[in-house]
Structures are given as C-alpha cells and as structure tokens.
Amino acid sequence: MYVVRPLEGPGDETIEKLSKATFDVAEYVIEFAKKEGMADGMQPIGDSMAMHLACHARAQNMGAKGAEVLRLIPEAKVTVVERCSGHGGSWGIMKGNYETALKVGKPAARTALKSNAKYIASECPLAAEHLMQGIENLDADGVDAKTALHPIELLAKSYGLSEE
C-alpha cells in the first residue's frame, strides 16, 4: 500500500511516517475511484491492453493497481504480464548483461505479444522500454504498440487529454 517499503529501515520512525503518507499514483487513482467514482467523459481507446506488473509494484505489496486502472477504461480487456522484463534496474542495460537480460525478459515479451494488445503498459518506464526491445527482437510485426505507456497515460488518453 505504501511507496516506501517498511523493510527499508525497520523501526525508523521517519521512514514509517513517510510510508504512511505516500501513495503510488495508480494506488491513489483506484482508491479515489472506489470512494468517489471517476469523472464522466472516459471513452474507449481500444479494447486490448497488456499490463506489465513492475517489480517495484510487487515490492510495494499493493497488488496490480496499474491493471485495475486500465480496467476503469470503457471496453478495456487487460492481459496481465506477470513475468520479469529482465531489466533489473541498471543491471539490464550494462553491456555485459544486455543479452542475458533480453533472455530473462523473453517470456514477458512473448506474453505481451500473444495478447495482440493495441497498447502495452507498465508502471516502470525502464522495464517498459526493455519489454519493447524484447518484443522487437521477437520480430513482432503484429504489434500495434510502438512504445509502452504508463497506465496513467492511457487513462489520460481515455479522457481525451493525451494523444499517446
């Protein structure tokens, strides 16, 4: 539920206070939607979306809030990609690790590709780019998506606030 993990400095009063006062944006939107509802005006943007669950979202122990955000969009059919993108922070971009990182992320890229998603989303911009590189390496001619977007960007698109 909180952005700062309680395991980061257990017993540290400052970290606990920060943790209780900080929310992930997707977590905030879902909480708001449950309590207040969403503003009128959302439009369908295409029914197929693949949502990569970022490692940091798992570490935050908040559930698949990004996928929940996408499901708020009318007519959205969301395929959840629960595999590692292979990025691993700065590890996956290191020259000596890059090929291994692509191999690790290949199952995630395949899942996203098989979903025939119009949009690919991830809450982690680095993992998203790595996932897209994995899809390109699979010679994915059938994928409409040219970039992976954050779920909030797709929500904004549904409201007509963003071109992409």
Protein backbone atom coordinates (compact mmCIF):
# COMPACT_ATOMS: atom_id res chain seq x y z
CA MET A 1 0.00 0.00 0.00
CA TYR A 2 2.86 2.38 0.60
CA VAL A 3 5.58 3.56 -1.73
CA VAL A 4 8.36 3.24 0.83
CA ARG A 5 8.74 -0.36 1.88
CA PRO A 6 8.57 -0.95 5.63
CA LEU A 7 11.59 -3.27 5.30
CA GLU A 8 13.71 -0.25 4.39
CA GLY A 9 15.00 0.64 7.84
CA PRO A 10 12.55 -1.21 10.08
CA GLY A 11 11.82 0.74 13.22
CA ASP A 12 12.94 4.03 11.68
CA GLU A 13 10.21 6.50 12.68
CA THR A 14 10.92 8.86 9.76
CA ILE A 15 10.60 6.08 7.17
CA GLU A 16 7.40 4.80 8.79
CA LYS A 17 5.92 8.31 8.72
CA LEU A 18 6.86 8.76 5.05
CA SER A 19 5.49 5.33 4.20
CA LYS A 20 2.09 6.12 5.70
CA ALA A 21 1.86 9.46 3.88
CA THR A 22 2.93 8.34 0.39
CA PHE A 23 0.93 6.52 -2.27
CA ASP A 24 1.70 5.24 -5.73
CA VAL A 25 -0.31 7.16 -8.37
CA ALA A 26 -2.17 4.04 -9.57
CA GLU A 27 -2.95 3.11 -5.98
CA TYR A 28 -4.27 6.63 -5.42
CA VAL A 29 -6.49 6.55 -8.53
CA ILE A 30 -8.03 3.20 -7.57
CA GLU A 31 -8.68 4.33 -4.00
CA PHE A 32 -10.24 7.53 -5.32
CA ALA A 33 -12.37 5.62 -7.86
CA LYS A 34 -13.70 3.34 -5.11
CA LYS A 35 -14.59 6.23 -2.81
CA GLU A 36 -15.64 8.98 -5.21
CA GLY A 37 -16.04 7.40 -8.62
CA MET A 38 -14.39 8.61 -11.78
CA ALA A 39 -15.28 11.77 -13.69
CA ASP A 40 -17.57 11.38 -16.67
CA GLY A 41 -16.06 11.53 -20.13
CA MET A 42 -13.88 8.43 -20.45
CA GLN A 43 -14.03 6.92 -23.91
CA PRO A 44 -12.83 3.54 -25.19
CA ILE A 45 -9.34 3.70 -26.69
CA GLY A 46 -9.10 0.16 -27.99
CA ASP A 47 -10.04 -2.96 -26.21
CA SER A 48 -6.74 -4.83 -25.93
CA MET A 49 -4.06 -3.83 -23.44
CA ALA A 50 -1.14 -5.74 -21.97
CA MET A 51 -0.14 -4.58 -18.49
CA HIS A 52 3.33 -5.49 -17.26
CA LEU A 53 3.48 -5.74 -13.47
CA ALA A 54 6.62 -3.91 -12.46
CA CYS A 55 8.89 -5.38 -9.81
CA HIS A 56 8.67 -2.23 -7.68
CA ALA A 57 4.86 -2.58 -7.57
CA ARG A 58 5.31 -6.11 -6.22
CA ALA A 59 7.81 -4.88 -3.64
CA GLN A 60 5.30 -2.23 -2.56
CA ASN A 61 2.85 -5.07 -1.90
CA MET A 62 -0.03 -3.06 -3.35
CA GLY A 63 -1.38 -5.53 -5.87
CA ALA A 64 -1.93 -5.00 -9.57
CA LYS A 65 -3.18 -1.42 -9.30
CA GLY A 66 -1.94 -0.49 -12.77
CA ALA A 67 -4.12 -3.24 -14.28
CA GLU A 68 -7.05 -2.01 -12.16
CA VAL A 69 -6.54 1.50 -13.56
CA LEU A 70 -6.68 0.14 -17.13
CA ARG A 71 -9.88 -1.75 -16.31
CA LEU A 72 -11.52 1.59 -15.48
CA ILE A 73 -11.30 2.47 -19.19
CA PRO A 74 -14.51 1.51 -21.02
CA GLU A 75 -14.32 -1.75 -23.00
CA ALA A 76 -10.75 -2.42 -21.88
CA LYS A 77 -9.63 -6.04 -21.94
CA VAL A 78 -6.41 -6.29 -19.96
CA THR A 79 -3.85 -9.07 -20.21
CA VAL A 80 -1.57 -9.04 -17.18
CA VAL A 81 2.10 -9.80 -17.81
CA GLU A 82 3.44 -11.14 -14.52
CA ARG A 83 6.92 -12.05 -15.74
CA CYS A 84 10.15 -10.16 -15.24
CA SER A 85 11.05 -7.82 -18.09
CA GLY A 86 14.69 -8.71 -17.49
CA HIS A 87 15.71 -5.12 -16.89
CA GLY A 88 16.66 -5.38 -13.22
CA GLY A 89 17.37 -1.69 -12.62
CA SER A 90 20.67 -0.67 -14.14
CA TRP A 91 21.76 -4.32 -14.46
CA GLY A 92 19.93 -4.94 -17.75
CA ILE A 93 21.46 -2.00 -19.58
CA MET A 94 25.05 -2.93 -18.81
CA LYS A 95 26.81 -4.05 -21.98
CA GLY A 96 27.88 -7.39 -20.49
CA ASN A 97 24.38 -8.18 -19.19
CA TYR A 98 22.16 -6.97 -22.02
CA GLU A 99 21.82 -10.27 -23.94
CA THR A 100 21.12 -12.17 -20.72
CA ALA A 101 18.58 -9.54 -19.71
CA LEU A 102 16.77 -10.00 -23.03
CA LYS A 103 16.67 -13.77 -22.46
CA VAL A 104 15.26 -13.28 -18.97
CA GLY A 105 12.60 -10.94 -20.34
CA LYS A 106 11.68 -13.11 -23.33
CA PRO A 107 8.71 -14.84 -21.61
CA ALA A 108 7.26 -11.44 -20.69
CA ALA A 109 7.73 -10.19 -24.25
CA ARG A 110 6.05 -13.33 -25.62
CA THR A 111 3.06 -12.91 -23.28
CA ALA A 112 2.63 -9.28 -24.30
CA LEU A 113 2.99 -10.22 -27.97
CA LYS A 114 0.46 -13.08 -27.77
CA SER A 115 -2.10 -10.73 -26.24
CA ASN A 116 -2.32 -8.85 -29.57
CA ALA A 117 -2.50 -5.71 -27.46
CA LYS A 118 -3.11 -2.35 -29.05
CA TYR A 119 -1.39 -0.84 -26.02
CA ILE A 120 1.37 -2.14 -23.80
CA ALA A 121 1.69 -0.58 -20.36
CA SER A 122 4.00 -0.79 -17.37
CA GLU A 123 4.36 1.24 -14.21
CA CYS A 124 8.13 1.16 -14.71
CA PRO A 125 9.40 3.17 -17.68
CA LEU A 126 12.73 1.30 -17.76
CA ALA A 127 11.08 -2.12 -17.70
CA ALA A 128 8.63 -0.91 -20.36
CA GLU A 129 11.40 0.05 -22.76
CA HIS A 130 13.20 -3.23 -22.12
CA LEU A 131 9.97 -5.15 -22.73
CA MET A 132 9.51 -3.34 -26.04
CA GLN A 133 13.09 -4.23 -27.03
CA GLY A 134 12.28 -7.86 -26.26
CA ILE A 135 9.17 -7.68 -28.43
CA GLU A 136 11.17 -6.14 -31.29
CA ASN A 137 13.69 -8.99 -31.00
CA LEU A 138 10.84 -11.46 -31.48
CA ASP A 139 10.20 -9.86 -34.89
CA ALA A 140 6.81 -8.69 -33.75
CA ASP A 141 5.22 -7.35 -36.89
CA GLY A 142 1.72 -7.83 -35.47
CA VAL A 143 2.08 -5.44 -32.54
CA ASP A 144 0.42 -2.04 -32.95
CA ALA A 145 2.19 -0.55 -29.96
CA LYS A 146 5.38 1.31 -30.76
CA THR A 147 6.05 2.28 -27.16
CA ALA A 148 4.91 1.11 -23.76
CA LEU A 149 2.99 3.67 -21.77
CA HIS A 150 2.24 4.16 -18.09
CA PRO A 151 -1.36 3.22 -17.18
CA ILE A 152 -1.99 6.85 -16.18
CA GLU A 153 -1.07 7.93 -19.72
CA LEU A 154 -3.68 5.55 -21.10
CA LEU A 155 -6.25 6.84 -18.60
CA ALA A 156 -5.47 10.37 -19.79
CA LYS A 157 -5.89 9.23 -23.39
CA SER A 158 -9.31 7.80 -22.48
CA TYR A 159 -10.31 11.25 -21.22
CA GLY A 160 -9.01 12.85 -24.43
CA LEU A 161 -6.17 14.56 -22.56
CA SER A 162 -3.33 12.89 -24.42
CA GLU A 163 -2.58 11.84 -27.97
CA GLU A 164 -0.38 8.96 -26.68
